């Protein structure tokens, strides 16, 4: 690097121009960087936070552990490590120099997270889910051959490039020692196998396969299968007791093929010995469905869904922009006593999982929610806010706060349909999806199917 050239962006070790932030968490911050030697090449630079490294010796060991594992893995569906260092220097345009940085340079995946795909288009159906699941299973199979267990497989730790290839990332919780006799409490609650929660010695492959089942369910349905794998949890308890018919009714999954439901049930087994092996999964009828789409057809279908969803988002933003009256400002709208007359605006969050159509009155919905609180979640606090015409839902356990609002569908006074929309005001996005999943078991009977309503309107026309 020519030292006489003025800096306009931070530079790491004289090799990487730090362009922007890709993401950050409790342990690190990830930057998009451009290589100085080849300006056409971009990388992701993961810089570990000082506060994380200063916690204890185990934190520093975890970083080394991740690097050792990534250096040993060479697979098209696993993120590539390009460089690692513990004495990084960042030169800033201000002249300030940061030294002693611990960093990891990784391949840059131009696409996004698998979570983003689900958030954009929702459930992909069985063919779309199978397309991604095959890639995930190949990576798990490879890791197992290399004696590695990831232990934190989830949508947020899987990248997707522009050609819909998966890349498993974030090996901070991974292990490569005695993976059939692990004891550490690792993972993310919603994806975590029950034996980890019970502090039992566990098999790394079996817990990875459990997590892959949760991911597969979300890919297919666009919602979580349960809040967490505990006996006390309503939905998982149904699976534990073998009440499969009731479970699939509650999660609205009866339309799934018998083969699909069978594979998911086996992956969710409470007893890890009852979960299928990798070979059994590959040989499972659902994985070899001759009536299903080919991988190429599935890929094209997913691409089309993404393009369509992005186009609809763009059109909706344009519509909202053009429909704002002169002098518009937030909070200026008046609300009706029962249902807001503001136009319904579509959003795309896990297959719009937070928006539902119904003919029930708000007070009827409140009574159903109150029934759920009494029977399934005593920690829930419900408030009927008559002044602002909404229902406030608070879950103290998850520090979650939602507002439930109601929107008129059309101008026809005889049309009793309304859209219910959950709006998150406080708490984690994932906690919102999980709570709504549970509420759906009680709201099912009053929810109208959007597609059926559209067909009825077309018939009337």
Protein backbone atom coordinates (compact mmCIF):
# COMPACT_ATOMS: atom_id res chain seq x y z
CA UNK A 1 0.00 0.00 0.00
CA UNK A 2 1.31 3.45 -0.95
CA UNK A 3 1.74 5.31 2.35
CA UNK A 4 1.70 8.66 0.51
CA UNK A 5 -1.93 8.18 -0.51
CA UNK A 6 -4.44 9.77 1.90
CA UNK A 7 -6.80 7.36 3.66
CA UNK A 8 -10.52 7.77 3.06
CA UNK A 9 -11.57 4.53 4.80
CA UNK A 10 -10.12 2.43 7.67
CA UNK A 11 -7.52 -0.10 6.50
CA UNK A 12 -6.64 -3.40 8.22
CA UNK A 13 -2.99 -4.47 8.11
CA UNK A 14 -2.42 -2.48 4.94
CA UNK A 15 -4.36 -5.17 3.03
CA UNK A 16 -8.10 -4.66 3.52
CA UNK A 17 -10.17 -1.49 3.10
CA UNK A 18 -13.03 -1.63 5.62
CA UNK A 19 -16.05 -0.45 3.63
CA UNK A 20 -19.09 -1.01 5.84
CA UNK A 21 -20.58 -3.03 8.68
CA UNK A 22 -22.27 -6.29 7.71
CA UNK A 23 -23.47 -7.20 11.18
CA UNK A 24 -22.57 -7.33 14.84
CA UNK A 25 -23.25 -9.39 17.93
CA UNK A 26 -22.13 -9.78 21.52
CA UNK A 27 -18.79 -11.31 20.57
CA UNK A 28 -17.76 -9.61 17.35
CA UNK A 29 -18.42 -7.12 14.58
CA UNK A 30 -18.27 -8.14 10.91
CA UNK A 31 -17.19 -5.75 8.16
CA UNK A 32 -17.32 -5.83 4.38
CA UNK A 33 -13.80 -5.21 3.12
CA UNK A 34 -12.08 -4.78 -0.23
CA UNK A 35 -8.66 -6.27 -0.86
CA UNK A 36 -6.09 -3.67 -1.88
CA UNK A 37 -4.11 -6.11 -4.02
CA UNK A 38 -7.23 -7.01 -6.03
CA UNK A 39 -9.97 -4.34 -5.80
CA UNK A 40 -12.47 -6.74 -7.41
CA UNK A 41 -12.20 -9.14 -4.46
CA UNK A 42 -14.31 -8.60 -1.34
CA UNK A 43 -14.06 -10.37 2.00
CA UNK A 44 -15.81 -10.40 5.36
CA UNK A 45 -13.62 -9.37 8.30
CA UNK A 46 -14.74 -10.52 11.73
CA UNK A 47 -13.20 -8.44 14.53
CA UNK A 48 -13.60 -9.83 18.04
CA UNK A 49 -14.80 -7.46 20.75
CA UNK A 50 -12.37 -6.63 23.58
CA UNK A 51 -15.08 -7.04 26.22
CA UNK A 52 -15.75 -10.58 24.99
CA UNK A 53 -12.07 -11.54 24.94
CA UNK A 54 -11.51 -10.07 28.42
CA UNK A 55 -14.22 -12.22 30.01
CA UNK A 56 -12.03 -15.24 30.65
CA UNK A 57 -9.55 -17.62 29.09
CA UNK A 58 -12.39 -19.75 27.70
CA UNK A 59 -13.48 -16.87 25.48
CA UNK A 60 -10.08 -16.64 23.82
CA UNK A 61 -9.96 -20.43 23.49
CA UNK A 62 -13.35 -20.34 21.76
CA UNK A 63 -11.91 -18.06 19.06
CA UNK A 64 -8.92 -20.33 18.49
CA UNK A 65 -11.28 -23.30 18.49
CA UNK A 66 -13.40 -21.72 15.73
CA UNK A 67 -10.32 -20.96 13.63
CA UNK A 68 -8.89 -24.48 14.00
CA UNK A 69 -12.20 -26.01 12.94
CA UNK A 70 -12.72 -23.68 9.96
CA UNK A 71 -9.17 -24.32 8.74
CA UNK A 72 -9.87 -28.07 8.78
CA UNK A 73 -13.15 -27.85 6.85
CA UNK A 74 -13.18 -27.57 3.06
CA UNK A 75 -16.71 -27.92 1.74
CA UNK A 76 -18.79 -25.88 -0.75
CA UNK A 77 -21.58 -25.45 1.83
CA UNK A 78 -19.31 -24.25 4.65
CA UNK A 79 -17.87 -20.73 4.89
CA UNK A 80 -14.17 -20.50 3.98
CA UNK A 81 -11.59 -18.96 6.28
CA UNK A 82 -8.93 -16.95 4.46
CA UNK A 83 -6.82 -15.50 7.24
CA UNK A 84 -6.55 -15.21 11.00
CA UNK A 85 -4.49 -12.97 13.24
CA UNK A 86 -4.17 -11.81 16.84
CA UNK A 87 -2.23 -8.59 16.28
CA UNK A 88 -4.29 -6.71 13.72
CA UNK A 89 -3.79 -3.00 13.06
CA UNK A 90 -6.44 -0.67 11.71
CA UNK A 91 -5.35 2.70 10.36
CA UNK A 92 -8.17 5.26 10.40
CA UNK A 93 -8.48 8.35 8.16
CA UNK A 94 -8.23 10.50 11.32
CA UNK A 95 -4.73 9.17 11.87
CA UNK A 96 -5.72 7.03 14.84
CA UNK A 97 -4.32 3.50 14.88
CA UNK A 98 -6.02 0.54 16.60
CA UNK A 99 -3.63 -2.26 17.52
CA UNK A 100 -3.73 -5.76 18.98
CA UNK A 101 -6.98 -6.71 17.25
CA UNK A 102 -8.00 -10.33 16.95
CA UNK A 103 -9.62 -10.87 13.57
CA UNK A 104 -10.78 -13.56 11.15
CA UNK A 105 -10.99 -12.97 7.40
CA UNK A 106 -13.72 -15.02 5.70
CA UNK A 107 -15.07 -15.34 2.19
CA UNK A 108 -17.75 -12.77 1.45
CA UNK A 109 -21.08 -14.35 0.55
CA UNK A 110 -23.03 -11.87 -1.55
CA UNK A 111 -26.60 -12.72 -0.75
CA UNK A 112 -27.69 -12.73 2.86
CA UNK A 113 -28.90 -14.99 5.63
CA UNK A 114 -31.26 -17.92 5.18
CA UNK A 115 -33.30 -16.10 7.83
CA UNK A 116 -33.65 -13.18 5.41
CA UNK A 117 -35.01 -15.47 2.70
CA UNK A 118 -37.65 -16.88 5.04
CA UNK A 119 -38.47 -13.42 6.30
CA UNK A 120 -38.96 -12.20 2.74
CA UNK A 121 -40.97 -15.01 1.14
CA UNK A 122 -42.22 -17.09 4.06
CA UNK A 123 -42.73 -20.85 3.77
CA UNK A 124 -41.17 -22.42 0.68
CA UNK A 125 -43.26 -25.58 0.69
CA UNK A 126 -41.92 -29.12 0.61
CA UNK A 127 -39.95 -28.81 -2.63
CA UNK A 128 -38.28 -25.56 -1.61
CA UNK A 129 -37.54 -26.88 1.87
CA UNK A 130 -36.06 -30.08 0.44
CA UNK A 131 -33.81 -28.08 -1.91
CA UNK A 132 -32.09 -26.28 0.99
CA UNK A 133 -32.27 -29.26 3.37
CA UNK A 134 -30.23 -31.44 1.01
CA UNK A 135 -27.43 -28.88 1.06
CA UNK A 136 -27.61 -28.62 4.83
CA UNK A 137 -27.52 -32.40 5.22
CA UNK A 138 -24.45 -32.65 2.98
CA UNK A 139 -22.59 -30.19 5.20
CA UNK A 140 -23.65 -32.00 8.40
CA UNK A 141 -22.55 -35.31 6.90
CA UNK A 142 -19.18 -33.81 5.96
CA UNK A 143 -18.69 -32.25 9.40
CA UNK A 144 -19.47 -35.58 11.04
CA UNK A 145 -16.84 -37.30 8.87
CA UNK A 146 -14.40 -34.64 10.09
CA UNK A 147 -15.50 -35.28 13.68
CA UNK A 148 -17.06 -31.82 14.03
CA UNK A 149 -20.39 -30.86 15.59
CA UNK A 150 -21.66 -27.32 14.97
CA UNK A 151 -24.07 -27.15 17.96
CA UNK A 152 -25.69 -23.87 16.89
CA UNK A 153 -27.32 -24.52 13.54
CA UNK A 154 -30.06 -21.95 12.91
CA UNK A 155 -31.35 -19.71 10.13
CA UNK A 156 -29.21 -16.81 11.35
CA UNK A 157 -25.99 -18.88 11.06
CA UNK A 158 -26.55 -19.98 7.47
CA UNK A 159 -25.68 -17.73 4.54
CA UNK A 160 -27.18 -17.96 1.04
CA UNK A 161 -25.35 -16.69 -2.03
CA UNK A 162 -27.02 -15.24 -5.11
CA UNK A 163 -27.15 -18.68 -6.71
CA UNK A 164 -29.01 -20.12 -3.66
CA UNK A 165 -26.03 -22.08 -2.35
CA UNK A 166 -25.97 -22.46 1.45
CA UNK A 167 -22.89 -21.61 3.51
CA UNK A 168 -22.81 -22.78 7.15
CA UNK A 169 -21.12 -20.12 9.30
CA UNK A 170 -20.39 -19.11 12.90
CA UNK A 171 -18.55 -22.07 14.42
CA UNK A 172 -18.09 -20.39 17.81
CA UNK A 173 -19.97 -23.19 19.62
CA UNK A 174 -18.57 -26.02 17.50
CA UNK A 175 -16.59 -28.93 18.90
CA UNK A 176 -14.13 -31.38 17.36
CA UNK A 177 -13.28 -33.44 20.42
CA UNK A 178 -15.27 -36.46 21.62
CA UNK A 179 -18.37 -35.23 19.78
CA UNK A 180 -20.33 -38.33 20.78
CA UNK A 181 -19.86 -37.50 24.50
CA UNK A 182 -20.43 -33.77 24.81
CA UNK A 183 -21.63 -32.02 27.97
CA UNK A 184 -21.39 -28.24 27.40
CA UNK A 185 -24.61 -26.22 27.32
CA UNK A 186 -24.47 -24.77 23.81
CA UNK A 187 -26.92 -23.57 21.19
CA UNK A 188 -30.01 -21.39 20.75
CA UNK A 189 -33.15 -22.29 22.74
CA UNK A 190 -35.56 -22.59 19.82
CA UNK A 191 -33.27 -24.91 17.87
CA UNK A 192 -31.71 -26.75 20.81
CA UNK A 193 -32.21 -30.49 21.34
CA UNK A 194 -33.92 -31.50 24.62
CA UNK A 195 -30.93 -33.47 25.94
CA UNK A 196 -28.84 -30.29 26.02
CA UNK A 197 -31.54 -28.49 28.01
CA UNK A 198 -31.58 -31.39 30.49
CA UNK A 199 -27.79 -31.13 30.96
CA UNK A 200 -27.29 -34.71 29.76
CA UNK A 201 -24.25 -36.07 27.94
CA UNK A 202 -25.15 -35.87 24.28
CA UNK A 203 -24.11 -36.84 20.76
CA UNK A 204 -23.05 -33.89 18.62
CA UNK A 205 -24.44 -35.34 15.40
CA UNK A 206 -27.84 -36.03 16.96
CA UNK A 207 -28.23 -32.47 18.26
CA UNK A 208 -27.22 -31.05 14.86
CA UNK A 209 -29.84 -33.23 13.17
CA UNK A 210 -32.47 -32.03 15.66
CA UNK A 211 -31.62 -28.41 14.82
CA UNK A 212 -31.75 -29.22 11.11
CA UNK A 213 -35.30 -30.51 11.65
CA UNK A 214 -36.34 -27.18 13.17
CA UNK A 215 -34.81 -25.36 10.21
CA UNK A 216 -36.53 -27.69 7.74
CA UNK A 217 -39.91 -27.07 9.37
CA UNK A 218 -39.43 -23.30 9.14
CA UNK A 219 -38.30 -23.55 5.51
CA UNK A 220 -41.45 -25.48 4.61
CA UNK A 221 -44.05 -23.71 6.76
CA UNK A 222 -42.58 -20.27 7.45
CA UNK A 223 -43.16 -20.61 11.21
CA UNK A 224 -41.42 -22.32 14.14
CA UNK A 225 -42.55 -25.84 15.07
CA UNK A 226 -42.51 -25.05 18.82
CA UNK A 227 -41.13 -22.48 21.21
CA UNK A 228 -38.51 -24.84 22.60
CA UNK A 229 -38.07 -28.59 23.04
CA UNK A 230 -39.21 -28.96 26.65
CA UNK A 231 -41.86 -31.21 28.12
CA UNK A 232 -43.66 -28.16 29.55
CA UNK A 233 -43.96 -26.51 26.13
CA UNK A 234 -47.44 -27.02 24.66
CA UNK A 235 -46.53 -28.00 21.08
CA UNK A 236 -43.44 -30.08 21.84
CA UNK A 237 -45.36 -31.91 24.56
CA UNK A 238 -47.80 -33.12 21.90
CA UNK A 239 -44.88 -34.54 19.93
CA UNK A 240 -43.38 -36.16 23.03
CA UNK A 241 -46.68 -37.91 23.81
CA UNK A 242 -47.12 -39.08 20.24
CA UNK A 243 -50.23 -36.93 19.70
CA UNK A 244 -49.21 -36.28 16.13
CA UNK A 245 -52.70 -35.75 14.71
CA UNK A 246 -53.44 -33.04 17.27
CA UNK A 247 -50.00 -31.48 16.79
CA UNK A 248 -50.37 -31.11 13.01
CA UNK A 249 -53.86 -29.72 13.44
CA UNK A 250 -52.63 -27.10 15.92
CA UNK A 251 -49.75 -25.97 13.68
CA UNK A 252 -51.94 -26.12 10.55
CA UNK A 253 -49.70 -28.71 8.94
CA UNK A 254 -52.27 -31.35 7.95
CA UNK A 255 -51.78 -30.51 4.28
CA UNK A 256 -48.16 -31.70 4.37
CA UNK A 257 -47.45 -35.11 2.89
CA UNK A 258 -47.36 -38.14 5.20
CA UNK A 259 -43.69 -38.65 4.31
CA UNK A 260 -42.79 -35.08 5.21
CA UNK A 261 -44.56 -35.23 8.58
CA UNK A 262 -42.94 -38.59 9.34
CA UNK A 263 -39.41 -37.28 8.75
CA UNK A 264 -40.01 -34.18 10.86
CA UNK A 265 -41.52 -36.22 13.71
CA UNK A 266 -38.48 -38.49 13.74
CA UNK A 267 -36.03 -35.58 13.69
CA UNK A 268 -37.91 -34.05 16.64
CA UNK A 269 -37.72 -37.25 18.73
CA UNK A 270 -37.15 -36.62 22.42
CA UNK A 271 -34.97 -39.74 22.57
CA UNK A 272 -31.91 -39.00 20.39
CA UNK A 273 -31.51 -42.72 19.61
CA UNK A 274 -34.88 -42.54 17.81
CA UNK A 275 -33.71 -39.82 15.45
CA UNK A 276 -32.73 -41.11 12.02
CA UNK A 277 -29.12 -41.49 10.97
CA UNK A 278 -27.80 -39.47 8.03
CA UNK A 279 -28.04 -42.56 5.83
CA UNK A 280 -31.64 -43.14 6.91
CA UNK A 281 -32.50 -39.53 6.08
CA UNK A 282 -31.00 -39.79 2.60
CA UNK A 283 -32.98 -43.00 2.03
CA UNK A 284 -36.22 -41.61 3.47
CA UNK A 285 -39.15 -41.60 0.99
CA UNK A 286 -39.61 -37.84 1.35
CA UNK A 287 -36.01 -37.20 0.29
CA UNK A 288 -36.61 -39.30 -2.84
CA UNK A 289 -40.08 -38.12 -3.81
CA UNK A 290 -40.47 -38.97 -7.50
CA UNK A 291 -43.53 -36.72 -7.71
CA UNK A 292 -41.65 -33.72 -6.37
CA UNK A 293 -39.80 -31.06 -8.33
CA UNK A 294 -36.21 -31.55 -9.39
CA UNK A 295 -33.53 -29.51 -7.60
CA UNK A 296 -33.26 -27.20 -10.60
CA UNK A 297 -37.03 -26.69 -10.73
CA UNK A 298 -37.13 -26.04 -6.97
CA UNK A 299 -34.30 -23.53 -7.29
CA UNK A 300 -36.11 -21.69 -10.08
CA UNK A 301 -39.28 -21.65 -7.98
CA UNK A 302 -37.48 -20.11 -4.99
CA UNK A 303 -35.82 -17.52 -7.23
CA UNK A 304 -39.23 -16.57 -8.60
CA UNK A 305 -40.69 -16.22 -5.10
CA UNK A 306 -37.83 -13.91 -4.09
CA UNK A 307 -38.20 -11.76 -7.20
CA UNK A 308 -41.98 -11.57 -6.76
CA UNK A 309 -41.74 -10.66 -3.06
CA UNK A 310 -39.18 -7.93 -3.75
CA UNK A 311 -41.31 -6.52 -6.56
CA UNK A 312 -44.38 -6.47 -4.31
CA UNK A 313 -42.40 -4.74 -1.56
CA UNK A 314 -41.20 -2.12 -4.03
CA UNK A 315 -44.71 -1.54 -5.38
CA UNK A 316 -46.13 -1.27 -1.87
CA UNK A 317 -43.50 1.27 -0.83
CA UNK A 318 -44.23 3.29 -3.95
CA UNK A 319 -47.96 3.09 -3.25
CA UNK A 320 -47.51 4.27 0.32
CA UNK A 321 -45.27 7.10 -0.82
CA UNK A 322 -47.72 8.34 -3.45
CA UNK A 323 -50.78 7.98 -1.17
CA UNK A 324 -49.49 10.24 1.62
CA UNK A 325 -51.59 13.44 1.69
CA UNK A 326 -49.99 16.86 1.70
CA UNK A 327 -48.88 17.77 5.19
CA UNK A 328 -48.78 14.09 6.21
CA UNK A 329 -46.97 13.26 9.41
CA UNK A 330 -46.87 10.19 11.62
CA UNK A 331 -49.61 10.06 14.24
CA UNK A 332 -51.96 12.34 12.34
CA UNK A 333 -54.51 9.63 11.52
CA UNK A 334 -57.73 9.14 13.46
CA UNK A 335 -58.85 5.63 14.38
CA UNK A 336 -62.38 4.23 14.44
CA UNK A 337 -63.88 2.94 17.64
CA UNK A 338 -63.52 -0.68 16.61
CA UNK A 339 -61.47 -1.01 13.44
CA UNK A 340 -58.97 1.38 11.92
CA UNK A 341 -60.01 2.74 8.53
CA UNK A 342 -56.41 3.27 7.48
CA UNK A 343 -55.61 1.20 4.38
CA UNK A 344 -54.26 -2.26 4.97
CA UNK A 345 -50.56 -2.44 4.05
CA UNK A 346 -48.95 -5.81 3.36
CA UNK A 347 -45.64 -6.73 4.96
CA UNK A 348 -43.44 -9.76 4.51
CA UNK A 349 -42.32 -11.40 7.70
CA UNK A 350 -42.27 -15.19 7.71
CA UNK A 351 -45.12 -15.51 5.25
CA UNK A 352 -46.87 -12.49 6.78
CA UNK A 353 -46.93 -14.42 10.05
CA UNK A 354 -48.30 -11.62 12.13
CA UNK A 355 -51.19 -10.68 9.84
CA UNK A 356 -54.46 -12.58 9.57
CA UNK A 357 -57.91 -12.04 8.10
CA UNK A 358 -61.04 -12.65 10.18
CA UNK A 359 -64.73 -11.79 10.44
CA UNK A 360 -64.66 -11.81 14.24
CA UNK A 361 -65.08 -8.63 16.26
CA UNK A 362 -62.16 -7.28 18.31
CA UNK A 363 -63.88 -8.10 21.60
CA UNK A 364 -64.34 -11.70 20.41
CA UNK A 365 -60.64 -11.91 19.60
CA UNK A 366 -59.84 -10.54 23.05
CA UNK A 367 -61.91 -13.30 24.68
CA UNK A 368 -60.02 -15.97 22.71
CA UNK A 369 -56.69 -14.47 23.71
CA UNK A 370 -57.85 -14.40 27.31
CA UNK A 371 -58.72 -18.09 27.03
CA UNK A 372 -55.20 -18.80 25.80
CA UNK A 373 -53.78 -16.84 28.73
CA UNK A 374 -55.85 -18.83 31.23
CA UNK A 375 -55.13 -22.25 29.72
CA UNK A 376 -51.62 -21.98 28.32
CA UNK A 377 -49.68 -18.89 29.39
CA UNK A 378 -50.47 -17.36 32.79
CA UNK A 379 -47.49 -14.98 32.40
CA UNK A 380 -49.31 -13.15 29.59
CA UNK A 381 -50.84 -9.74 30.32
CA UNK A 382 -53.73 -8.56 28.14
CA UNK A 383 -55.01 -5.00 28.05
CA UNK A 384 -57.93 -3.71 26.01
CA UNK A 385 -56.84 -0.18 25.15
CA UNK A 386 -60.17 1.41 24.22
CA UNK A 387 -58.73 4.91 23.91
CA UNK A 388 -56.28 3.89 21.17
CA UNK A 389 -58.45 1.03 19.88
CA UNK A 390 -56.04 -1.86 20.23
CA UNK A 391 -55.21 -4.93 22.30
CA UNK A 392 -51.90 -4.82 24.14
CA UNK A 393 -50.21 -8.19 24.69
CA UNK A 394 -47.25 -8.45 27.07
CA UNK A 395 -45.18 -11.53 27.85
CA UNK A 396 -43.07 -10.66 30.87
CA UNK A 397 -40.97 -13.82 30.62
CA UNK A 398 -39.60 -12.81 27.20
CA UNK A 399 -39.86 -9.02 27.76
CA UNK A 400 -42.13 -8.99 24.72
CA UNK A 401 -44.80 -6.39 24.00
CA UNK A 402 -47.17 -6.55 21.02
CA UNK A 403 -50.01 -4.33 19.82
CA UNK A 404 -52.87 -6.04 17.98
CA UNK A 405 -54.67 -3.72 15.57
CA UNK A 406 -57.56 -4.26 13.18
CA UNK A 407 -57.84 -2.87 9.64
CA UNK A 408 -60.81 -2.71 7.28
CA UNK A 409 -60.38 -4.67 4.05
CA UNK A 410 -62.61 -2.71 1.67
CA UNK A 411 -65.15 0.07 1.43
CA UNK A 412 -68.22 -2.23 1.28
CA UNK A 413 -70.16 -1.77 4.53
CA UNK A 414 -71.52 -5.32 4.25
CA UNK A 415 -68.00 -6.74 4.13
CA UNK A 416 -67.24 -7.78 7.71
CA UNK A 417 -63.72 -8.96 7.01
CA UNK A 418 -60.84 -7.26 8.79
CA UNK A 419 -57.09 -7.75 8.90
CA UNK A 420 -55.55 -8.32 12.30
CA UNK A 421 -51.95 -7.21 12.55
CA UNK A 422 -49.53 -7.87 15.40
CA UNK A 423 -47.02 -5.04 15.80
CA UNK A 424 -43.92 -5.65 17.92
CA UNK A 425 -43.20 -2.72 20.25
CA UNK A 426 -40.66 -4.35 22.53
CA UNK A 427 -38.67 -7.57 22.61
CA UNK A 428 -36.98 -9.98 20.25
CA UNK A 429 -38.26 -10.62 16.72
CA UNK A 430 -37.97 -14.37 17.17
CA UNK A 431 -39.96 -14.23 20.43
CA UNK A 432 -42.74 -12.49 18.49
CA UNK A 433 -42.97 -15.32 15.97
CA UNK A 434 -42.94 -17.93 18.71
CA UNK A 435 -45.74 -16.29 20.70
CA UNK A 436 -47.91 -15.87 17.60
CA UNK A 437 -47.31 -19.54 16.78
CA UNK A 438 -48.82 -20.48 20.13
CA UNK A 439 -51.70 -18.03 19.76
CA UNK A 440 -52.58 -19.57 16.40
CA UNK A 441 -53.61 -22.81 18.11
CA UNK A 442 -56.46 -20.81 19.69
CA UNK A 443 -57.15 -18.39 16.84
CA UNK A 444 -57.31 -21.02 14.08
CA UNK A 445 -61.10 -21.26 14.03
CA UNK A 446 -61.65 -17.56 13.33
CA UNK A 447 -58.90 -17.10 10.75
CA UNK A 448 -59.96 -16.83 7.11
CA UNK A 449 -57.75 -18.13 4.34
CA UNK A 450 -56.60 -15.30 2.06
CA UNK A 451 -56.55 -17.43 -1.08
CA UNK A 452 -60.06 -18.81 -0.51
CA UNK A 453 -61.41 -15.29 -0.01
CA UNK A 454 -59.75 -14.09 -3.22
CA UNK A 455 -61.25 -17.01 -5.15
CA UNK A 456 -64.72 -16.24 -3.78
CA UNK A 457 -64.39 -12.60 -4.86
CA UNK A 458 -63.33 -13.67 -8.36
CA UNK A 459 -66.31 -16.03 -8.61
CA UNK A 460 -68.68 -13.22 -7.60
CA UNK A 461 -67.20 -10.97 -10.27
